[in-house]
Protein backbone atom coordinates (compact mmCIF):
# COMPACT_ATOMS: atom_id res chain seq x y z
CA TYR A 1 -25.01 114.73 150.67
CA LYS A 2 -27.78 112.30 149.80
CA ARG A 3 -30.25 113.49 147.19
CA GLU A 4 -33.84 112.49 147.93
CA SER A 5 -35.61 110.88 145.02
CA TYR A 6 -38.61 112.92 143.97
CA MET A 7 -41.76 111.71 142.30
CA GLN A 8 -43.99 114.18 140.46
CA VAL A 9 -47.27 113.41 142.22
CA ILE A 10 -49.66 115.23 139.86
CA ASN A 11 -49.27 115.19 136.08
CA LYS A 12 -52.53 116.42 134.60
CA LEU A 13 -56.02 117.67 135.49
CA THR A 14 -58.42 115.14 133.98
CA MET A 15 -61.93 116.02 135.22
CA LEU A 16 -63.91 118.95 136.55
CA TYR A 17 -66.93 117.87 138.63
CA LEU A 18 -69.86 120.26 138.32
CA PRO A 19 -72.96 119.83 140.50
CA VAL A 20 -76.18 120.71 138.66
CA SER A 21 -79.77 121.08 139.83
CA GLU A 22 -81.54 120.09 136.58
CA MET A 23 -79.60 117.71 134.33
CA GLN A 24 -81.69 118.26 131.18
CA LYS A 25 -81.12 122.02 131.26
CA ALA A 26 -77.42 121.68 132.10
CA LYS A 27 -76.88 119.00 129.46
CA GLU A 28 -78.59 121.10 126.79
CA PHE A 29 -76.59 124.19 127.77
CA TYR A 30 -73.16 122.54 127.68
CA SER A 31 -73.77 120.34 124.62
CA ASP A 32 -76.24 122.28 122.43
CA LYS A 33 -75.31 125.86 123.34
CA LEU A 34 -71.57 125.66 124.09
CA GLY A 35 -70.90 122.74 121.72
CA LEU A 36 -69.18 120.29 124.07
CA LYS A 37 -69.39 116.60 123.13
CA ILE A 38 -71.21 114.16 125.43
CA VAL A 39 -69.00 111.11 125.95
CA GLN A 40 -70.90 109.47 128.80
CA ASP A 41 -74.47 109.74 130.07
CA TYR A 42 -75.04 107.49 133.08
CA ARG A 43 -78.33 107.70 134.96
CA GLN A 44 -79.44 105.56 137.89
CA ASP A 45 -82.20 108.02 138.80
CA ASP A 46 -82.71 111.83 138.97
CA ASN A 47 -80.46 112.13 142.03
CA ASN A 48 -77.67 109.94 140.64
CA TRP A 49 -77.07 111.13 137.09
CA TRP A 50 -73.67 111.90 135.55
CA VAL A 51 -72.97 113.33 132.11
CA SER A 52 -69.35 113.73 130.96
CA LEU A 53 -68.46 116.15 128.19
CA THR A 54 -65.22 116.87 126.32
CA LEU A 55 -63.92 119.92 124.52
CA PRO A 56 -63.02 119.86 120.81
CA GLU A 57 -59.29 119.97 121.60
CA GLY A 58 -59.49 117.39 124.40
CA GLY A 59 -58.06 118.04 127.85
CA VAL A 60 -60.20 118.18 130.97
CA THR A 61 -63.52 116.33 130.95
CA ILE A 62 -66.42 118.25 132.51
CA THR A 63 -68.74 115.95 134.43
CA LEU A 64 -72.19 117.30 135.26
CA SER A 65 -73.74 115.57 138.27
CA THR A 66 -77.03 115.61 140.15
CA HIS A 67 -75.27 113.82 143.05
CA HIS A 68 -73.95 116.82 144.99
CA GLY A 69 -72.53 115.59 148.28
CA LYS A 70 -71.38 118.78 150.06
CA LEU A 71 -71.27 120.80 146.83
CA LYS A 72 -73.91 123.34 145.84
CA PRO A 73 -74.77 124.12 142.22
CA GLY A 74 -73.88 127.60 141.01
CA ASN A 75 -70.56 128.26 142.79
CA MET A 76 -68.14 127.62 139.93
CA THR A 77 -66.36 129.98 137.54
CA MET A 78 -64.93 128.53 134.33
CA TYR A 79 -62.81 130.09 131.61
CA PHE A 80 -62.96 128.77 128.06
CA ALA A 81 -60.87 129.88 125.08
CA THR A 82 -62.41 130.74 121.72
CA SER A 83 -60.72 131.66 118.45
CA ASP A 84 -63.24 134.44 117.72
CA VAL A 85 -64.90 136.22 120.63
CA ALA A 86 -67.23 138.32 118.45
CA ALA A 87 -68.46 135.30 116.46
CA ALA A 88 -68.92 133.25 119.66
CA HIS A 89 -70.91 136.13 121.20
CA LYS A 90 -73.14 136.34 118.12
CA GLU A 91 -73.59 132.53 117.96
CA LEU A 92 -74.63 132.24 121.63
CA SER A 93 -76.93 135.28 121.40
CA GLY A 94 -78.64 133.54 118.48
CA LYS A 95 -79.19 130.47 120.66
CA ASP A 96 -81.05 132.57 123.27
CA VAL A 97 -78.15 132.60 125.72
CA LYS A 98 -78.05 135.79 127.79
CA VAL A 99 -74.49 137.04 127.19
CA ASN A 100 -72.82 140.13 128.61
CA GLU A 101 -71.09 142.65 126.36
CA VAL A 102 -67.68 141.95 124.87
CA LYS A 103 -64.87 143.74 126.70
CA ASP A 104 -61.12 143.90 126.02
CA ASP A 105 -59.52 143.98 129.44
CA LEU A 106 -59.53 140.39 130.74
CA TYR A 107 -56.12 140.76 132.38
CA GLY A 108 -56.62 144.37 133.46
CA PRO A 109 -57.02 147.75 131.75
CA GLY A 110 -55.08 147.94 128.50
CA SER A 111 -54.43 144.18 128.29
CA GLY A 112 -56.39 144.03 125.04
CA VAL A 113 -57.64 140.48 125.65
CA LYS A 114 -61.24 140.26 124.43
CA TRP A 115 -63.78 138.39 126.53
CA PHE A 116 -67.39 138.14 127.61
CA ASN A 117 -69.21 136.11 130.19
CA LEU A 118 -72.55 134.48 130.82
CA GLU A 119 -74.21 132.16 133.31
CA ASP A 120 -75.16 128.52 132.92
CA PRO A 121 -78.64 127.35 134.08
CA ASP A 122 -77.40 127.00 137.70
CA GLY A 123 -75.76 130.43 137.82
CA ASN A 124 -72.16 129.29 137.34
CA THR A 125 -70.12 132.00 135.62
CA VAL A 126 -68.71 131.06 132.23
CA PHE A 127 -66.07 133.26 130.59
CA LEU A 128 -65.15 133.03 126.91
CA ALA A 129 -61.81 134.65 126.14
CA GLN A 130 -59.97 135.26 122.89
CA ALA A 131 -57.38 132.52 122.42
């Protein structure tokens, strides 16, 4: 019996690429409204503009891009964790973000996990769930 050596091909998700139609609106939404930190803003022109953002606890970088290739803006669903769903809901409402009501069944009826969702400027669905 000869054991094959095995290499773990993938170790970590590092970037999420998000096509956007209007960079200024998307940038403002993700940085000013959701509070992500801009770490790179590279612009050749309106059709070749990338903005990378990080979350407070690190992890995956979200890169907004006006260069779409085959991708269409508005087809993504993202889940973010928050330590206080009610406070996050109130904070975003105060920043003129149209948020849906807080519910407590993220993982099905009776799960008790509080959450709400909203849409970014391109219509991507953004969930905020109690961490």
